[in-house]
Amino acid sequence: MTLRTPVAVTRIRQRRPKPGLQPQHLTVVRALAAISGARVTGDALDSTELTFIPRALNGGDYRFDVGAIRGSAGSVSLLFQALLLPLAFAPRESRLTLIGGTHVPWSPPVHYLTEVFLPALGQIGVQARLTLTRWGWYPAGGGEVEATIVPARSLSPFSHEAGGRAATIRGLSAVSRLPRSIAERQQARALERLAAAGLAAEIAIEVDATALGPGTLLFLAAPGRAGFSALGRRGIRAEAVADQAVDPLLAWLASGALVDDHLADQLIPFLALAPGVSTFTCPTPSLHLRTVAWVVQQFLPARIELDEGPPARVRITPPPTSAAQ
């Protein structure tokens, strides 16, 4: 849509237990159609084929609810990331209200976006703000975020490779509709382990009463570089939840990589539209990273090179003139 290029997608989620578009994916398709006046076929639940023909890209005020199609705690973070790229190139500012799951499995929590993803994009010229107004956990959903996206005047390349130790780890231990003591135990365990590794850390506690259902989170970040989180669930001790966030953080630091594996693939579409060569390192050339690199190169004559490492090195050489410009 950013490039105003028609696209057809077939065999959508063909190998999944439930093939085709699920509520979260369908919400994204319809949201993108709404901001671009697109003509769309195949935008239905369980559809395995889709055509999308974008027209004029429009900024403005929008409200999208993942649960409106069918009760769902689908991720508002993934919806926001889909909207951010095109709206960063819209002719006017956009204000979004997004409703759904804010802290759910298999997607970045909202705090990853505010502490890692958006600060990293800010370094290349993408200006956006995201505010959590109501928490939404799986399976109840019902969370809400407010976002503002300012049109980018131009993007800059991103060229950093050396990782090194983060000065201070910032974090949050949060609970909704559960005892505060759970958040305190998560915090204590994480601080203990990080101190043993010689790391300075600041982990705040938040007890939220706005969510429709219960949930717990431990989130740890090296701001603008990496973020790691774990969600509590019935039968899992608070200390084990903390370990699930601390372990990958320590592994990332040991790798010497600049960014984590998730930020690596999330940066690719933006950097492919920025003039100049971008380079960075991440722990591994993940399947997500390889997939995003492949998809981008179907639309742009960009060259994306992946060096296995460790750490893996990513080099993005965009077209001579940015197609988005």
C-alpha atoms as a PDB file:
ATOM      1  CA  MET A   1       0.000   0.000   0.000  1.00  0.00           C
ATOM      2  CA  THR A   2       2.877   2.398   0.707  1.00  0.00           C
ATOM      3  CA  LEU A   3       4.017   1.871  -2.893  1.00  0.00           C
ATOM      4  CA  ARG A   4       0.441   1.970  -4.334  1.00  0.00           C
ATOM      5  CA  THR A   5       1.099  -1.474  -5.802  1.00  0.00           C
ATOM      6  CA  PRO A   6      -1.715  -4.012  -6.359  1.00  0.00           C
ATOM      7  CA  VAL A   7      -1.046  -7.406  -4.825  1.00  0.00           C
ATOM      8  CA  ALA A   8      -2.597 -10.863  -4.846  1.00  0.00           C
ATOM      9  CA  VAL A   9      -1.918 -13.301  -1.993  1.00  0.00           C
ATOM     10  CA  THR A  10      -2.754 -16.997  -2.266  1.00  0.00           C
ATOM     11  CA  ARG A  11      -2.564 -20.052   0.009  1.00  0.00           C
ATOM     12  CA  ILE A  12      -2.940 -17.825   3.081  1.00  0.00           C
ATOM     13  CA  ARG A  13      -1.885 -19.704   6.243  1.00  0.00           C
ATOM     14  CA  GLN A  14      -2.301 -22.918   4.266  1.00  0.00           C
ATOM     15  CA  ARG A  15      -0.416 -25.133   6.715  1.00  0.00           C
ATOM     16  CA  ARG A  16      -2.060 -23.821   9.880  1.00  0.00           C
ATOM     17  CA  PRO A  17      -4.678 -25.851  11.788  1.00  0.00           C
ATOM     18  CA  LYS A  18      -7.161 -23.104  10.816  1.00  0.00           C
ATOM     19  CA  PRO A  19      -6.134 -21.963   7.323  1.00  0.00           C
ATOM     20  CA  GLY A  20      -7.072 -18.583   5.914  1.00  0.00           C
ATOM     21  CA  LEU A  21      -7.697 -15.165   7.409  1.00  0.00           C
ATOM     22  CA  GLN A  22      -8.600 -15.107  11.099  1.00  0.00           C
ATOM     23  CA  PRO A  23     -10.197 -12.069  12.829  1.00  0.00           C
ATOM     24  CA  GLN A  24      -6.870 -10.367  13.542  1.00  0.00           C
ATOM     25  CA  HIS A  25      -5.685 -10.680   9.941  1.00  0.00           C
ATOM     26  CA  LEU A  26      -9.050  -9.625   8.517  1.00  0.00           C
ATOM     27  CA  THR A  27      -9.102  -6.538  10.747  1.00  0.00           C
ATOM     28  CA  VAL A  28      -5.689  -5.559   9.366  1.00  0.00           C
ATOM     29  CA  VAL A  29      -6.827  -6.023   5.750  1.00  0.00           C
ATOM     30  CA  ARG A  30      -9.966  -3.946   6.272  1.00  0.00           C
ATOM     31  CA  ALA A  31      -8.089  -1.258   8.200  1.00  0.00           C
ATOM     32  CA  LEU A  32      -5.538  -0.923   5.404  1.00  0.00           C
ATOM     33  CA  ALA A  33      -8.353  -0.778   2.850  1.00  0.00           C
ATOM     34  CA  ALA A  34     -10.043   1.992   4.854  1.00  0.00           C
ATOM     35  CA  ILE A  35      -6.981   4.261   4.887  1.00  0.00           C
ATOM     36  CA  SER A  36      -6.203   3.726   1.203  1.00  0.00           C
ATOM     37  CA  GLY A  37      -9.623   3.450  -0.458  1.00  0.00           C
ATOM     38  CA  ALA A  38      -8.545   0.036  -1.710  1.00  0.00           C
ATOM     39  CA  ARG A  39     -10.601  -2.338  -3.811  1.00  0.00           C
ATOM     40  CA  VAL A  40     -10.427  -5.730  -2.119  1.00  0.00           C
ATOM     41  CA  THR A  41     -11.669  -9.230  -2.895  1.00  0.00           C
ATOM     42  CA  GLY A  42     -11.374 -12.194  -0.571  1.00  0.00           C
ATOM     43  CA  ASP A  43     -11.665 -10.148   2.644  1.00  0.00           C
ATOM     44  CA  ALA A  44     -13.661 -12.718   4.613  1.00  0.00           C
ATOM     45  CA  LEU A  45     -13.015 -15.032   7.528  1.00  0.00           C
ATOM     46  CA  ASP A  46     -11.141 -18.202   6.517  1.00  0.00           C
ATOM     47  CA  SER A  47     -10.412 -16.824   3.040  1.00  0.00           C
ATOM     48  CA  THR A  48      -7.197 -18.264   1.597  1.00  0.00           C
ATOM     49  CA  GLU A  49      -6.948 -15.827  -1.348  1.00  0.00           C
ATOM     50  CA  LEU A  50      -6.906 -12.041  -1.372  1.00  0.00           C
ATOM     51  CA  THR A  51      -6.466  -9.253  -3.898  1.00  0.00           C
ATOM     52  CA  PHE A  52      -5.732  -5.716  -2.707  1.00  0.00           C
ATOM     53  CA  ILE A  53      -5.662  -2.703  -5.027  1.00  0.00           C
ATOM     54  CA  PRO A  54      -4.800   0.488  -3.105  1.00  0.00           C
ATOM     55  CA  ARG A  55      -5.761   3.936  -4.335  1.00  0.00           C
ATOM     56  CA  ALA A  56      -5.281   7.260  -2.494  1.00  0.00           C
ATOM     57  CA  LEU A  57      -3.552   7.017   0.879  1.00  0.00           C
ATOM     58  CA  ASN A  58      -5.346   9.129   3.488  1.00  0.00           C
ATOM     59  CA  GLY A  59      -4.261  10.215   6.926  1.00  0.00           C
ATOM     60  CA  GLY A  60      -6.870  11.258   9.480  1.00  0.00           C
ATOM     61  CA  ASP A  61      -8.788   9.882  12.461  1.00  0.00           C
ATOM     62  CA  TYR A  62      -9.565   6.164  12.544  1.00  0.00           C
ATOM     63  CA  ARG A  63     -10.932   3.611  14.999  1.00  0.00           C
ATOM     64  CA  PHE A  64     -10.445  -0.140  14.519  1.00  0.00           C
ATOM     65  CA  ASP A  65     -11.586  -2.964  16.823  1.00  0.00           C
ATOM     66  CA  VAL A  66     -10.113  -6.441  16.390  1.00  0.00           C
ATOM     67  CA  GLY A  67     -13.023  -7.916  18.366  1.00  0.00           C
ATOM     68  CA  ALA A  68     -15.694  -6.362  16.140  1.00  0.00           C
ATOM     69  CA  ILE A  69     -15.495  -9.148  13.555  1.00  0.00           C
ATOM     70  CA  ARG A  70     -15.673 -11.950  16.092  1.00  0.00           C
ATOM     71  CA  GLY A  71     -14.920 -11.787  19.808  1.00  0.00           C
ATOM     72  CA  SER A  72     -11.117 -11.887  19.824  1.00  0.00           C
ATOM     73  CA  ALA A  73      -8.056 -10.787  21.779  1.00  0.00           C
ATOM     74  CA  GLY A  74      -6.187 -10.266  18.512  1.00  0.00           C
ATOM     75  CA  SER A  75      -3.089  -8.108  18.821  1.00  0.00           C
ATOM     76  CA  VAL A  76      -3.415  -4.327  18.549  1.00  0.00           C
ATOM     77  CA  SER A  77       0.394  -4.195  18.323  1.00  0.00           C
ATOM     78  CA  LEU A  78       0.427  -6.077  15.012  1.00  0.00           C
ATOM     79  CA  LEU A  79      -2.460  -3.946  13.735  1.00  0.00           C
ATOM     80  CA  PHE A  80      -0.544  -0.786  14.659  1.00  0.00           C
ATOM     81  CA  GLN A  81       2.624  -2.007  12.945  1.00  0.00           C
ATOM     82  CA  ALA A  82       0.696  -2.724   9.742  1.00  0.00           C
ATOM     83  CA  LEU A  83      -0.810   0.780   9.748  1.00  0.00           C
ATOM     84  CA  LEU A  84       2.361   2.622  10.745  1.00  0.00           C
ATOM     85  CA  LEU A  85       4.396   2.075   7.583  1.00  0.00           C
ATOM     86  CA  PRO A  86       1.881   3.504   5.077  1.00  0.00           C
ATOM     87  CA  LEU A  87       0.600   6.245   7.396  1.00  0.00           C
ATOM     88  CA  ALA A  88       4.185   7.426   7.925  1.00  0.00           C
ATOM     89  CA  PHE A  89       4.021   8.418   4.238  1.00  0.00           C
ATOM     90  CA  ALA A  90       0.470   9.822   4.269  1.00  0.00           C
ATOM     91  CA  PRO A  91       0.011  13.508   3.359  1.00  0.00           C
ATOM     92  CA  ARG A  92      -1.344  14.442   6.821  1.00  0.00           C
ATOM     93  CA  GLU A  93      -1.165  13.368  10.449  1.00  0.00           C
ATOM     94  CA  SER A  94      -3.147  10.337  11.615  1.00  0.00           C
ATOM     95  CA  ARG A  95      -4.768   9.611  14.974  1.00  0.00           C
ATOM     96  CA  LEU A  96      -5.747   6.024  15.705  1.00  0.00           C
ATOM     97  CA  THR A  97      -7.806   4.270  18.348  1.00  0.00           C
ATOM     98  CA  LEU A  98      -7.114   0.534  18.300  1.00  0.00           C
ATOM     99  CA  ILE A  99      -9.036  -1.993  20.417  1.00  0.00           C
ATOM    100  CA  GLY A 100      -8.105  -5.605  21.137  1.00  0.00           C
ATOM    101  CA  GLY A 101      -5.322  -7.490  22.889  1.00  0.00           C
ATOM    102  CA  THR A 102      -2.503  -5.293  24.181  1.00  0.00           C
ATOM    103  CA  HIS A 103      -0.523  -8.044  25.948  1.00  0.00           C
ATOM    104  CA  VAL A 104      -1.213 -11.409  24.318  1.00  0.00           C
ATOM    105  CA  PRO A 105       0.878 -14.429  23.257  1.00  0.00           C
ATOM    106  CA  TRP A 106       2.748 -14.511  19.954  1.00  0.00           C
ATOM    107  CA  SER A 107       2.900 -10.766  19.418  1.00  0.00           C
ATOM    108  CA  PRO A 108       4.879  -7.839  20.819  1.00  0.00           C
ATOM    109  CA  PRO A 109       3.267  -6.281  23.900  1.00  0.00           C
ATOM    110  CA  VAL A 110       2.423  -2.601  23.638  1.00  0.00           C
ATOM    111  CA  HIS A 111       5.391  -1.823  25.901  1.00  0.00           C
ATOM    112  CA  TYR A 112       7.731  -3.340  23.299  1.00  0.00           C
ATOM    113  CA  LEU A 113       6.432  -0.798  20.799  1.00  0.00           C
ATOM    114  CA  THR A 114       6.809   2.178  23.143  1.00  0.00           C
ATOM    115  CA  GLU A 115      10.214   1.221  24.605  1.00  0.00           C
ATOM    116  CA  VAL A 116      11.971  -0.534  21.703  1.00  0.00           C
ATOM    117  CA  PHE A 117      10.266  -0.346  18.299  1.00  0.00           C
ATOM    118  CA  LEU A 118       9.270   3.337  18.151  1.00  0.00           C
ATOM    119  CA  PRO A 119      12.517   4.648  19.717  1.00  0.00           C
ATOM    120  CA  ALA A 120      14.483   2.683  17.105  1.00  0.00           C
ATOM    121  CA  LEU A 121      12.335   4.073  14.285  1.00  0.00           C
ATOM    122  CA  GLY A 122      12.727   7.549  15.738  1.00  0.00           C
ATOM    123  CA  GLN A 123      16.422   7.298  14.923  1.00  0.00           C
ATOM    124  CA  ILE A 124      15.600   7.018  11.205  1.00  0.00           C
ATOM    125  CA  GLY A 125      12.923   9.721  11.079  1.00  0.00           C
ATOM    126  CA  VAL A 126       9.619   7.938  11.820  1.00  0.00           C
ATOM    127  CA  GLN A 127       7.613   9.994  14.316  1.00  0.00           C
ATOM    128  CA  ALA A 128       4.803   8.248  16.171  1.00  0.00           C
ATOM    129  CA  ARG A 129       3.416   8.173  19.696  1.00  0.00           C
ATOM    130  CA  LEU A 130       1.503   5.349  21.323  1.00  0.00           C
ATOM    131  CA  THR A 131      -0.418   5.501  24.609  1.00  0.00           C
ATOM    132  CA  LEU A 132      -1.932   2.550  26.460  1.00  0.00           C
ATOM    133  CA  THR A 133      -5.344   3.571  27.814  1.00  0.00           C
ATOM    134  CA  ARG A 134      -6.718   0.155  28.813  1.00  0.00           C
ATOM    135  CA  TRP A 135      -4.928  -3.178  29.197  1.00  0.00           C
ATOM    136  CA  GLY A 136      -6.236  -6.164  27.201  1.00  0.00           C
ATOM    137  CA  TRP A 137      -5.111  -9.704  28.056  1.00  0.00           C
ATOM    138  CA  TYR A 138      -5.878 -13.028  26.384  1.00  0.00           C
ATOM    139  CA  PRO A 139      -8.595 -14.252  26.096  1.00  0.00           C
ATOM    140  CA  ALA A 140     -10.814 -11.299  27.078  1.00  0.00           C
ATOM    141  CA  GLY A 141      -9.119  -8.653  24.940  1.00  0.00           C
ATOM    142  CA  GLY A 142     -10.842  -5.287  25.079  1.00  0.00           C
ATOM    143  CA  GLY A 143      -7.650  -3.287  25.542  1.00  0.00           C
ATOM    144  CA  GLU A 144      -7.227   0.101  23.914  1.00  0.00           C
ATOM    145  CA  VAL A 145      -4.369   2.238  22.627  1.00  0.00           C
ATOM    146  CA  GLU A 146      -4.278   5.734  21.182  1.00  0.00           C
ATOM    147  CA  ALA A 147      -1.691   6.505  18.508  1.00  0.00           C
ATOM    148  CA  THR A 148      -0.523   9.548  16.592  1.00  0.00           C
ATOM    149  CA  ILE A 149       1.526   9.171  13.409  1.00  0.00           C
ATOM    150  CA  VAL A 150       3.254  12.219  11.923  1.00  0.00           C
ATOM    151  CA  PRO A 151       4.156  12.116   8.198  1.00  0.00           C
ATOM    152  CA  ALA A 152       7.877  11.533   7.762  1.00  0.00           C
ATOM    153  CA  ARG A 153       9.698  14.239   5.851  1.00  0.00           C
ATOM    154  CA  SER A 154      12.459  11.806   4.984  1.00  0.00           C
ATOM    155  CA  LEU A 155      14.007   8.653   6.354  1.00  0.00           C
ATOM    156  CA  SER A 156      17.637   8.119   7.293  1.00  0.00           C
ATOM    157  CA  PRO A 157      19.688   4.935   7.042  1.00  0.00           C
ATOM    158  CA  PHE A 158      20.486   2.960  10.161  1.00  0.00           C
ATOM    159  CA  SER A 159      24.108   1.901  10.402  1.00  0.00           C
ATOM    160  CA  HIS A 160      25.243   0.367  13.674  1.00  0.00           C
ATOM    161  CA  GLU A 161      26.767  -3.031  14.271  1.00  0.00           C
ATOM    162  CA  ALA A 162      28.493  -3.199  17.635  1.00  0.00           C
ATOM    163  CA  GLY A 163      26.275  -4.338  20.463  1.00  0.00           C
ATOM    164  CA  GLY A 164      27.895  -4.131  23.859  1.00  0.00           C
ATOM    165  CA  ARG A 165      26.267  -3.994  27.241  1.00  0.00           C
ATOM    166  CA  ALA A 166      23.203  -1.875  27.821  1.00  0.00           C
ATOM    167  CA  ALA A 167      23.819   0.828  30.423  1.00  0.00           C
ATOM    168  CA  THR A 168      20.601   0.140  32.338  1.00  0.00           C
ATOM    169  CA  ILE A 169      17.838  -2.364  31.822  1.00  0.00           C
ATOM    170  CA  ARG A 170      14.389  -0.834  32.201  1.00  0.00           C
ATOM    171  CA  GLY A 171      11.391  -2.939  33.006  1.00  0.00           C
ATOM    172  CA  LEU A 172       7.846  -3.309  34.207  1.00  0.00           C
ATOM    173  CA  SER A 173       6.173  -5.945  36.356  1.00  0.00           C
ATOM    174  CA  ALA A 174       2.409  -5.609  36.031  1.00  0.00           C
ATOM    175  CA  VAL A 175      -0.773  -7.361  37.133  1.00  0.00           C
ATOM    176  CA  SER A 176      -4.453  -6.828  36.401  1.00  0.00           C
ATOM    177  CA  ARG A 177      -7.176  -8.161  38.691  1.00  0.00           C
ATOM    178  CA  LEU A 178      -4.607 -10.216  40.644  1.00  0.00           C
ATOM    179  CA  PRO A 179      -2.683  -9.642  43.899  1.00  0.00           C
ATOM    180  CA  ARG A 180       0.129  -7.074  43.842  1.00  0.00           C
ATOM    181  CA  SER A 181       2.374  -9.698  45.437  1.00  0.00           C
ATOM    182  CA  ILE A 182       2.621 -11.498  42.077  1.00  0.00           C
ATOM    183  CA  ALA A 183       4.119  -8.401  40.461  1.00  0.00           C
ATOM    184  CA  GLU A 184       6.476  -7.984  43.421  1.00  0.00           C
ATOM    185  CA  ARG A 185       7.722 -11.565  43.126  1.00  0.00           C
ATOM    186  CA  GLN A 186       8.298 -11.184  39.382  1.00  0.00           C
ATOM    187  CA  GLN A 187      10.219  -7.979  40.030  1.00  0.00           C
ATOM    188  CA  ALA A 188      12.319  -9.459  42.845  1.00  0.00           C
ATOM    189  CA  ARG A 189      13.334 -12.518  40.832  1.00  0.00           C
ATOM    190  CA  ALA A 190      14.308 -10.463  37.771  1.00  0.00           C
ATOM    191  CA  LEU A 191      16.322  -7.956  39.826  1.00  0.00           C
ATOM    192  CA  GLU A 192      18.115 -10.784  41.626  1.00  0.00           C
ATOM    193  CA  ARG A 193      19.157 -12.497  38.416  1.00  0.00           C
ATOM    194  CA  LEU A 194      20.153  -9.299  36.629  1.00  0.00           C
ATOM    195  CA  ALA A 195      22.261  -8.180  39.603  1.00  0.00           C
ATOM    196  CA  ALA A 196      23.987 -11.570  39.617  1.00  0.00           C
ATOM    197  CA  ALA A 197      24.872 -10.937  35.955  1.00  0.00           C
ATOM    198  CA  GLY A 198      26.319  -7.523  36.853  1.00  0.00           C
ATOM    199  CA  LEU A 199      23.504  -5.557  35.246  1.00  0.00           C
ATOM    200  CA  ALA A 200      21.871  -2.410  36.604  1.00  0.00           C
ATOM    201  CA  ALA A 201      18.094  -2.520  36.301  1.00  0.00           C
ATOM    202  CA  GLU A 202      15.045  -0.438  37.137  1.00  0.00           C
ATOM    203  CA  ILE A 203      11.787  -2.406  37.194  1.00  0.00           C
ATOM    204  CA  ALA A 204       8.576  -0.572  38.050  1.00  0.00           C
ATOM    205  CA  ILE A 205       5.444  -2.215  39.410  1.00  0.00           C
ATOM    206  CA  GLU A 206       1.995  -1.455  38.037  1.00  0.00           C
ATOM    207  CA  VAL A 207      -1.321  -2.760  39.358  1.00  0.00           C
ATOM    208  CA  ASP A 208      -4.017  -2.161  36.744  1.00  0.00           C
ATOM    209  CA  ALA A 209      -7.766  -2.240  37.326  1.00  0.00           C
ATOM    210  CA  THR A 210      -8.943  -1.290  33.827  1.00  0.00           C
ATOM    211  CA  ALA A 211      -8.626  -4.683  32.127  1.00  0.00           C
ATOM    212  CA  LEU A 212     -11.621  -6.901  31.424  1.00  0.00           C
ATOM    213  CA  GLY A 213      -9.764  -9.975  32.672  1.00  0.00           C
ATOM    214  CA  PRO A 214      -6.758 -10.991  34.769  1.00  0.00           C
ATOM    215  CA  GLY A 215      -3.172 -11.089  33.555  1.00  0.00           C
ATOM    216  CA  THR A 216       0.462 -10.604  34.505  1.00  0.00           C
ATOM    217  CA  LEU A 217       3.472  -9.320  32.591  1.00  0.00           C
ATOM    218  CA  LEU A 218       7.184  -8.952  33.101  1.00  0.00           C
ATOM    219  CA  PHE A 219       8.816  -6.779  30.464  1.00  0.00           C
ATOM    220  CA  LEU A 220      12.526  -5.925  30.220  1.00  0.00           C
ATOM    221  CA  ALA A 221      14.151  -3.591  27.693  1.00  0.00           C
ATOM    222  CA  ALA A 222      17.379  -2.088  26.529  1.00  0.00           C
ATOM    223  CA  PRO A 223      15.556   0.971  25.124  1.00  0.00           C
ATOM    224  CA  GLY A 224      15.625   1.278  21.362  1.00  0.00           C
ATOM    225  CA  ARG A 225      17.569  -1.973  20.964  1.00  0.00           C
ATOM    226  CA  ALA A 226      15.862  -5.003  22.473  1.00  0.00           C
ATOM    227  CA  GLY A 227      12.899  -6.092  24.564  1.00  0.00           C
ATOM    228  CA  PHE A 228      11.900  -9.329  26.268  1.00  0.00           C
ATOM    229  CA  SER A 229       8.635 -10.224  27.937  1.00  0.00           C
ATOM    230  CA  ALA A 230       6.753 -13.050  29.570  1.00  0.00           C
ATOM    231  CA  LEU A 231       3.067 -13.413  30.361  1.00  0.00           C
ATOM    232  CA  GLY A 232       1.856 -15.220  33.439  1.00  0.00           C
ATOM    233  CA  ARG A 233      -0.723 -17.973  33.288  1.00  0.00           C
ATOM    234  CA  ARG A 234      -2.448 -20.292  35.694  1.00  0.00           C
ATOM    235  CA  GLY A 235      -0.068 -22.845  37.204  1.00  0.00           C
ATOM    236  CA  ILE A 236       3.142 -20.924  36.413  1.00  0.00           C
ATOM    237  CA  ARG A 237       4.952 -19.410  39.398  1.00  0.00           C
ATOM    238  CA  ALA A 238       5.792 -15.701  39.297  1.00  0.00           C
ATOM    239  CA  GLU A 239       9.504 -16.545  39.528  1.00  0.00           C
ATOM    240  CA  ALA A 240       9.234 -18.753  36.431  1.00  0.00           C
ATOM    241  CA  VAL A 241       7.557 -15.901  34.532  1.00  0.00           C
ATOM    242  CA  ALA A 242      10.502 -13.665  35.422  1.00  0.00           C
ATOM    243  CA  ASP A 243      12.968 -16.301  34.216  1.00  0.00           C
ATOM    244  CA  GLN A 244      11.200 -16.473  30.852  1.00  0.00           C
ATOM    245  CA  ALA A 245      12.023 -12.808  30.268  1.00  0.00           C
ATOM    246  CA  VAL A 246      15.490 -12.758  31.842  1.00  0.00           C
ATOM    247  CA  ASP A 247      16.867 -15.793  29.983  1.00  0.00           C
ATOM    248  CA  PRO A 248      16.508 -14.370  26.435  1.00  0.00           C
ATOM    249  CA  LEU A 249      17.761 -10.977  27.612  1.00  0.00           C
ATOM    250  CA  LEU A 250      20.989 -12.525  28.897  1.00  0.00           C
ATOM    251  CA  ALA A 251      21.335 -14.577  25.702  1.00  0.00           C
ATOM    252  CA  TRP A 252      20.962 -11.424  23.591  1.00  0.00           C
ATOM    253  CA  LEU A 253      23.622  -9.623  25.603  1.00  0.00           C
ATOM    254  CA  ALA A 254      25.956 -12.612  25.261  1.00  0.00           C
ATOM    255  CA  SER A 255      25.517 -12.565  21.469  1.00  0.00           C
ATOM    256  CA  GLY A 256      27.005  -9.072  21.181  1.00  0.00           C
ATOM    257  CA  ALA A 257      24.276  -8.127  18.697  1.00  0.00           C
ATOM    258  CA  LEU A 258      22.970  -4.586  18.403  1.00  0.00           C
ATOM    259  CA  VAL A 259      19.237  -5.414  18.276  1.00  0.00           C
ATOM    260  CA  ASP A 260      17.084  -8.402  19.155  1.00  0.00           C
ATOM    261  CA  ASP A 261      15.744 -10.819  16.550  1.00  0.00           C
ATOM    262  CA  HIS A 262      12.241  -9.303  16.548  1.00  0.00           C
ATOM    263  CA  LEU A 263      13.354  -5.711  16.037  1.00  0.00           C
ATOM    264  CA  ALA A 264      15.593  -6.902  13.207  1.00  0.00           C
ATOM    265  CA  ASP A 265      12.728  -8.071  11.014  1.00  0.00           C
ATOM    266  CA  GLN A 266      10.490  -5.129  12.027  1.00  0.00           C
ATOM    267  CA  LEU A 267      13.083  -2.602  10.810  1.00  0.00           C
ATOM    268  CA  ILE A 268      13.507  -4.092   7.328  1.00  0.00           C
ATOM    269  CA  PRO A 269      10.494  -2.528   5.493  1.00  0.00           C
ATOM    270  CA  PHE A 270      11.318   0.956   6.770  1.00  0.00           C
ATOM    271  CA  LEU A 271      15.022   0.713   5.972  1.00  0.00           C
ATOM    272  CA  ALA A 272      14.277  -0.556   2.465  1.00  0.00           C
ATOM    273  CA  LEU A 273      12.549   2.799   1.864  1.00  0.00           C
ATOM    274  CA  ALA A 274      15.338   4.913   3.381  1.00  0.00           C
ATOM    275  CA  PRO A 275      18.059   6.333   1.115  1.00  0.00           C
ATOM    276  CA  GLY A 276      21.505   4.995   1.850  1.00  0.00           C
ATOM    277  CA  VAL A 277      22.828   1.651   3.019  1.00  0.00           C
ATOM    278  CA  SER A 278      21.725   0.371   6.437  1.00  0.00           C
ATOM    279  CA  THR A 279      23.623  -2.243   8.453  1.00  0.00           C
ATOM    280  CA  PHE A 280      23.058  -3.787  11.865  1.00  0.00           C
ATOM    281  CA  THR A 281      23.532  -7.023  13.782  1.00  0.00           C
ATOM    282  CA  CYS A 282      21.061  -9.370  15.489  1.00  0.00           C
ATOM    283  CA  PRO A 283      21.586 -12.725  17.220  1.00  0.00           C
ATOM    284  CA  THR A 284      20.329 -14.981  14.391  1.00  0.00           C
ATOM    285  CA  PRO A 285      18.923 -14.722  10.855  1.00  0.00           C
ATOM    286  CA  SER A 286      15.478 -15.836  12.052  1.00  0.00           C
ATOM    287  CA  LEU A 287      12.782 -17.259   9.811  1.00  0.00           C
ATOM    288  CA  HIS A 288      10.784 -14.045  10.299  1.00  0.00           C
ATOM    289  CA  LEU A 289      13.789 -11.995   9.176  1.00  0.00           C
ATOM    290  CA  ARG A 290      14.292 -14.153   6.076  1.00  0.00           C
ATOM    291  CA  THR A 291      10.580 -13.971   5.249  1.00  0.00           C
ATOM    292  CA  VAL A 292      10.335 -10.192   5.572  1.00  0.00           C
ATOM    293  CA  ALA A 293      13.479  -9.781   3.476  1.00  0.00           C
ATOM    294  CA  TRP A 294      11.952 -11.987   0.772  1.00  0.00           C
ATOM    295  CA  VAL A 295       8.623 -10.127   0.802  1.00  0.00           C
ATOM    296  CA  VAL A 296      10.252  -6.692   0.588  1.00  0.00           C
ATOM    297  CA  GLN A 297      12.318  -7.783  -2.404  1.00  0.00           C
ATOM    298  CA  GLN A 298       9.146  -8.837  -4.254  1.00  0.00           C
ATOM    299  CA  PHE A 299       8.060  -5.179  -4.211  1.00  0.00           C
ATOM    300  CA  LEU A 300      11.325  -3.239  -4.368  1.00  0.00           C
ATOM    301  CA  PRO A 301      14.628  -3.684  -6.201  1.00  0.00           C
ATOM    302  CA  ALA A 302      16.325  -3.474  -2.815  1.00  0.00           C
ATOM    303  CA  ARG A 303      19.151  -5.827  -1.929  1.00  0.00           C
ATOM    304  CA  ILE A 304      18.977  -7.404   1.521  1.00  0.00           C
ATOM    305  CA  GLU A 305      21.997  -9.453   2.521  1.00  0.00           C
ATOM    306  CA  LEU A 306      22.042 -11.718   5.565  1.00  0.00           C
ATOM    307  CA  ASP A 307      25.327 -12.926   7.032  1.00  0.00           C
ATOM    308  CA  GLU A 308      24.802 -15.941   9.291  1.00  0.00           C
ATOM    309  CA  GLY A 309      27.207 -14.711  11.995  1.00  0.00           C
ATOM    310  CA  PRO A 310      27.081 -15.062  14.938  1.00  0.00           C
ATOM    311  CA  PRO A 311      25.957 -12.439  15.408  1.00  0.00           C
ATOM    312  CA  ALA A 312      24.037 -12.219  12.157  1.00  0.00           C
ATOM    313  CA  ARG A 313      24.731  -9.141  10.042  1.00  0.00           C
ATOM    314  CA  VAL A 314      22.021  -7.477   7.985  1.00  0.00           C
ATOM    315  CA  ARG A 315      22.773  -5.085   5.125  1.00  0.00           C
ATOM    316  CA  ILE A 316      19.990  -3.283   3.257  1.00  0.00           C
ATOM    317  CA  THR A 317      20.801  -1.489   0.022  1.00  0.00           C
ATOM    318  CA  PRO A 318      17.671   0.371  -1.164  1.00  0.00           C
ATOM    319  CA  PRO A 319      16.804   1.272  -4.763  1.00  0.00           C
ATOM    320  CA  PRO A 320      18.689   4.296  -6.127  1.00  0.00           C
ATOM    321  CA  THR A 321      15.597   6.461  -5.486  1.00  0.00           C
ATOM    322  CA  SER A 322      13.154   5.604  -2.691  1.00  0.00           C
ATOM    323  CA  ALA A 323       9.935   4.406  -4.308  1.00  0.00           C
ATOM    324  CA  ALA A 324       7.884   5.830  -1.434  1.00  0.00           C
ATOM    325  CA  GLN A 325       9.183   9.303  -2.248  1.00  0.00           C
END
